[in-house]
Amino acid sequence: MAEEKKPGLSYKARRRWSLVILVIGLPLYIVAVVTVVNWLDRPPIWVELLVYVVLGVLWALPFKFVFRGVGKEDPDQF
């Protein structure tokens, strides 16, 4: 019987990509956000906090499918 292939990234690929995103992508994103906030000439603290909170959540939304289930055991392992 032939093994069924699931669409999308494999478990190992998702683990690798999540590591790349967290180790390389997240620090680059943080530097970019801090740079953009510095261009705003020090807004009121509540505006600055709001910007950081919103952008802190928004970075993860496009990568939701990559991080899903990465902390669990490999589902394809028997």
N, C-alpha and C. Protein backbone atom coordinates (compact mmCIF):
# COMPACT_ATOMS: atom_id res chain seq x y z
N MET A 1 0.85 -1.17 0.00
CA MET A 1 0.00 0.00 0.00
C MET A 1 0.90 1.24 0.00
N ALA A 2 0.61 2.17 -0.86
CA ALA A 2 1.40 3.39 -0.96
C ALA A 2 1.06 4.32 0.20
N GLU A 3 2.09 5.02 0.67
CA GLU A 3 1.91 5.94 1.78
C GLU A 3 1.27 7.24 1.28
N GLU A 4 0.28 7.74 2.00
CA GLU A 4 -0.38 8.99 1.61
C GLU A 4 0.50 10.18 1.97
N LYS A 5 0.62 11.12 1.05
CA LYS A 5 1.37 12.34 1.31
C LYS A 5 0.39 13.43 1.74
N LYS A 6 0.71 14.07 2.84
CA LYS A 6 -0.12 15.18 3.33
C LYS A 6 0.33 16.45 2.64
N PRO A 7 -0.61 17.34 2.31
CA PRO A 7 -0.20 18.62 1.72
C PRO A 7 0.48 19.51 2.75
N GLY A 8 1.36 20.36 2.29
CA GLY A 8 2.02 21.30 3.19
C GLY A 8 3.39 20.80 3.62
N LEU A 9 3.94 21.47 4.61
CA LEU A 9 5.27 21.15 5.11
C LEU A 9 5.25 19.93 6.02
N SER A 10 6.31 19.16 5.98
CA SER A 10 6.43 18.03 6.88
C SER A 10 6.73 18.54 8.29
N TYR A 11 6.65 17.64 9.26
CA TYR A 11 6.91 18.02 10.64
C TYR A 11 8.33 18.52 10.81
N LYS A 12 9.30 17.82 10.22
CA LYS A 12 10.71 18.24 10.33
C LYS A 12 10.94 19.58 9.66
N ALA A 13 10.32 19.80 8.52
CA ALA A 13 10.47 21.09 7.84
C ALA A 13 9.86 22.22 8.66
N ARG A 14 8.72 21.97 9.27
CA ARG A 14 8.10 22.99 10.13
C ARG A 14 8.98 23.32 11.32
N ARG A 15 9.61 22.29 11.92
CA ARG A 15 10.52 22.52 13.04
C ARG A 15 11.71 23.35 12.62
N ARG A 16 12.28 23.04 11.47
CA ARG A 16 13.43 23.80 10.98
C ARG A 16 13.05 25.24 10.68
N TRP A 17 11.94 25.43 9.96
CA TRP A 17 11.52 26.79 9.62
C TRP A 17 11.16 27.59 10.86
N SER A 18 10.55 26.96 11.85
CA SER A 18 10.21 27.69 13.07
C SER A 18 11.48 28.16 13.79
N LEU A 19 12.51 27.33 13.77
CA LEU A 19 13.78 27.72 14.38
C LEU A 19 14.41 28.89 13.62
N VAL A 20 14.40 28.84 12.30
CA VAL A 20 14.94 29.94 11.48
C VAL A 20 14.17 31.22 11.75
N ILE A 21 12.85 31.11 11.79
CA ILE A 21 12.02 32.30 12.03
C ILE A 21 12.32 32.90 13.40
N LEU A 22 12.45 32.07 14.42
CA LEU A 22 12.68 32.58 15.77
C LEU A 22 14.09 33.11 15.98
N VAL A 23 15.09 32.47 15.38
CA VAL A 23 16.48 32.85 15.62
C VAL A 23 16.94 33.99 14.72
N ILE A 24 16.46 34.02 13.49
CA ILE A 24 16.91 35.05 12.54
C ILE A 24 15.81 36.09 12.28
N GLY A 25 14.61 35.61 11.98
CA GLY A 25 13.54 36.52 11.59
C GLY A 25 13.03 37.41 12.70
N LEU A 26 12.84 36.86 13.88
CA LEU A 26 12.30 37.65 14.99
C LEU A 26 13.23 38.78 15.41
N PRO A 27 14.54 38.54 15.58
CA PRO A 27 15.42 39.68 15.91
C PRO A 27 15.42 40.76 14.83
N LEU A 28 15.39 40.36 13.56
CA LEU A 28 15.33 41.35 12.49
C LEU A 28 14.03 42.15 12.56
N TYR A 29 12.93 41.49 12.86
CA TYR A 29 11.64 42.16 12.99
C TYR A 29 11.66 43.14 14.17
N ILE A 30 12.27 42.73 15.27
CA ILE A 30 12.35 43.61 16.45
C ILE A 30 13.14 44.87 16.12
N VAL A 31 14.26 44.71 15.44
CA VAL A 31 15.06 45.88 15.05
C VAL A 31 14.26 46.79 14.13
N ALA A 32 13.53 46.21 13.19
CA ALA A 32 12.72 47.02 12.28
C ALA A 32 11.63 47.78 13.02
N VAL A 33 10.95 47.13 13.96
CA VAL A 33 9.88 47.79 14.72
C VAL A 33 10.43 48.92 15.58
N VAL A 34 11.55 48.67 16.26
CA VAL A 34 12.14 49.72 17.10
C VAL A 34 12.57 50.90 16.24
N THR A 35 13.10 50.63 15.06
CA THR A 35 13.50 51.71 14.15
C THR A 35 12.30 52.54 13.72
N VAL A 36 11.22 51.87 13.38
CA VAL A 36 10.00 52.59 12.96
C VAL A 36 9.44 53.43 14.11
N VAL A 37 9.42 52.87 15.31
CA VAL A 37 8.90 53.62 16.46
C VAL A 37 9.80 54.82 16.76
N ASN A 38 11.10 54.68 16.58
CA ASN A 38 12.02 55.81 16.79
C ASN A 38 11.78 56.93 15.79
N TRP A 39 11.31 56.59 14.59
CA TRP A 39 10.99 57.61 13.59
C TRP A 39 9.79 58.46 14.00
N LEU A 40 8.98 57.96 14.94
CA LEU A 40 7.78 58.68 15.37
C LEU A 40 8.07 59.79 16.37
N ASP A 41 9.33 60.07 16.65
CA ASP A 41 9.73 61.14 17.57
C ASP A 41 9.09 61.00 18.94
N ARG A 42 9.24 59.85 19.53
CA ARG A 42 8.79 59.55 20.89
C ARG A 42 7.33 59.96 21.14
N PRO A 43 6.40 59.11 20.68
CA PRO A 43 4.98 59.40 20.93
C PRO A 43 4.65 59.18 22.41
N PRO A 44 3.44 59.54 22.82
CA PRO A 44 3.05 59.26 24.21
C PRO A 44 3.23 57.78 24.53
N ILE A 45 3.48 57.48 25.78
CA ILE A 45 3.81 56.12 26.19
C ILE A 45 2.71 55.13 25.85
N TRP A 46 1.45 55.53 25.94
CA TRP A 46 0.36 54.61 25.64
C TRP A 46 0.30 54.28 24.15
N VAL A 47 0.66 55.26 23.30
CA VAL A 47 0.70 55.00 21.85
C VAL A 47 1.85 54.05 21.53
N GLU A 48 2.99 54.31 22.15
CA GLU A 48 4.14 53.46 21.92
C GLU A 48 3.87 52.02 22.39
N LEU A 49 3.25 51.89 23.55
CA LEU A 49 2.91 50.57 24.07
C LEU A 49 1.92 49.86 23.14
N LEU A 50 0.93 50.59 22.66
CA LEU A 50 -0.06 50.02 21.75
C LEU A 50 0.61 49.53 20.46
N VAL A 51 1.53 50.33 19.92
CA VAL A 51 2.24 49.94 18.70
C VAL A 51 3.03 48.66 18.94
N TYR A 52 3.76 48.59 20.06
CA TYR A 52 4.55 47.40 20.36
C TYR A 52 3.67 46.17 20.56
N VAL A 53 2.53 46.32 21.23
CA VAL A 53 1.64 45.18 21.47
C VAL A 53 1.05 44.68 20.15
N VAL A 54 0.54 45.61 19.34
CA VAL A 54 -0.07 45.21 18.06
C VAL A 54 0.96 44.55 17.15
N LEU A 55 2.13 45.17 17.00
CA LEU A 55 3.15 44.60 16.13
C LEU A 55 3.74 43.33 16.72
N GLY A 56 3.71 43.20 18.04
CA GLY A 56 4.19 41.98 18.68
C GLY A 56 3.31 40.78 18.40
N VAL A 57 2.04 41.02 18.17
CA VAL A 57 1.12 39.93 17.83
C VAL A 57 1.10 39.70 16.32
N LEU A 58 1.18 40.75 15.55
CA LEU A 58 1.07 40.64 14.09
C LEU A 58 2.19 39.84 13.45
N TRP A 59 3.39 39.83 14.04
CA TRP A 59 4.50 39.12 13.41
C TRP A 59 4.24 37.62 13.32
N ALA A 60 3.50 37.07 14.26
CA ALA A 60 3.30 35.63 14.31
C ALA A 60 2.16 35.14 13.43
N LEU A 61 1.24 35.99 13.08
CA LEU A 61 0.07 35.54 12.32
C LEU A 61 0.40 34.89 10.98
N PRO A 62 1.31 35.45 10.18
CA PRO A 62 1.61 34.78 8.90
C PRO A 62 2.29 33.42 9.08
N PHE A 63 2.90 33.18 10.23
CA PHE A 63 3.65 31.95 10.46
C PHE A 63 2.91 30.95 11.34
N LYS A 64 1.63 31.18 11.53
CA LYS A 64 0.83 30.33 12.41
C LYS A 64 0.89 28.87 11.99
N PHE A 65 0.84 28.60 10.69
CA PHE A 65 0.85 27.22 10.21
C PHE A 65 2.20 26.56 10.44
N VAL A 66 3.27 27.34 10.49
CA VAL A 66 4.61 26.77 10.72
C VAL A 66 4.75 26.33 12.17
N PHE A 67 4.26 27.13 13.10
CA PHE A 67 4.44 26.84 14.52
C PHE A 67 3.44 25.82 15.07
N ARG A 68 2.37 25.53 14.34
CA ARG A 68 1.33 24.65 14.83
C ARG A 68 1.86 23.22 15.04
N GLY A 69 1.82 22.74 16.28
CA GLY A 69 2.19 21.38 16.60
C GLY A 69 3.68 21.11 16.69
N VAL A 70 4.51 22.13 16.61
CA VAL A 70 5.96 21.92 16.61
C VAL A 70 6.46 21.43 17.96
N GLY A 71 5.83 21.82 19.03
CA GLY A 71 6.27 21.42 20.36
C GLY A 71 5.85 20.02 20.76
N LYS A 72 5.06 19.37 19.93
CA LYS A 72 4.59 18.01 20.23
C LYS A 72 5.46 16.99 19.53
N GLU A 73 5.23 15.71 19.81
CA GLU A 73 5.96 14.64 19.15
C GLU A 73 5.60 14.58 17.68
N ASP A 74 6.50 14.00 16.89
CA ASP A 74 6.29 13.87 15.45
C ASP A 74 5.08 12.96 15.22
N PRO A 75 4.04 13.47 14.56
CA PRO A 75 2.83 12.66 14.34
C PRO A 75 3.06 11.53 13.32
N ASP A 76 4.09 11.66 12.48
CA ASP A 76 4.35 10.64 11.47
C ASP A 76 5.24 9.51 11.99
N GLN A 77 5.79 9.69 13.19
CA GLN A 77 6.65 8.67 13.75
C GLN A 77 5.82 7.55 14.36
N PHE A 78 6.20 6.32 14.09
CA PHE A 78 5.40 5.19 14.56
C PHE A 78 5.97 4.67 15.82
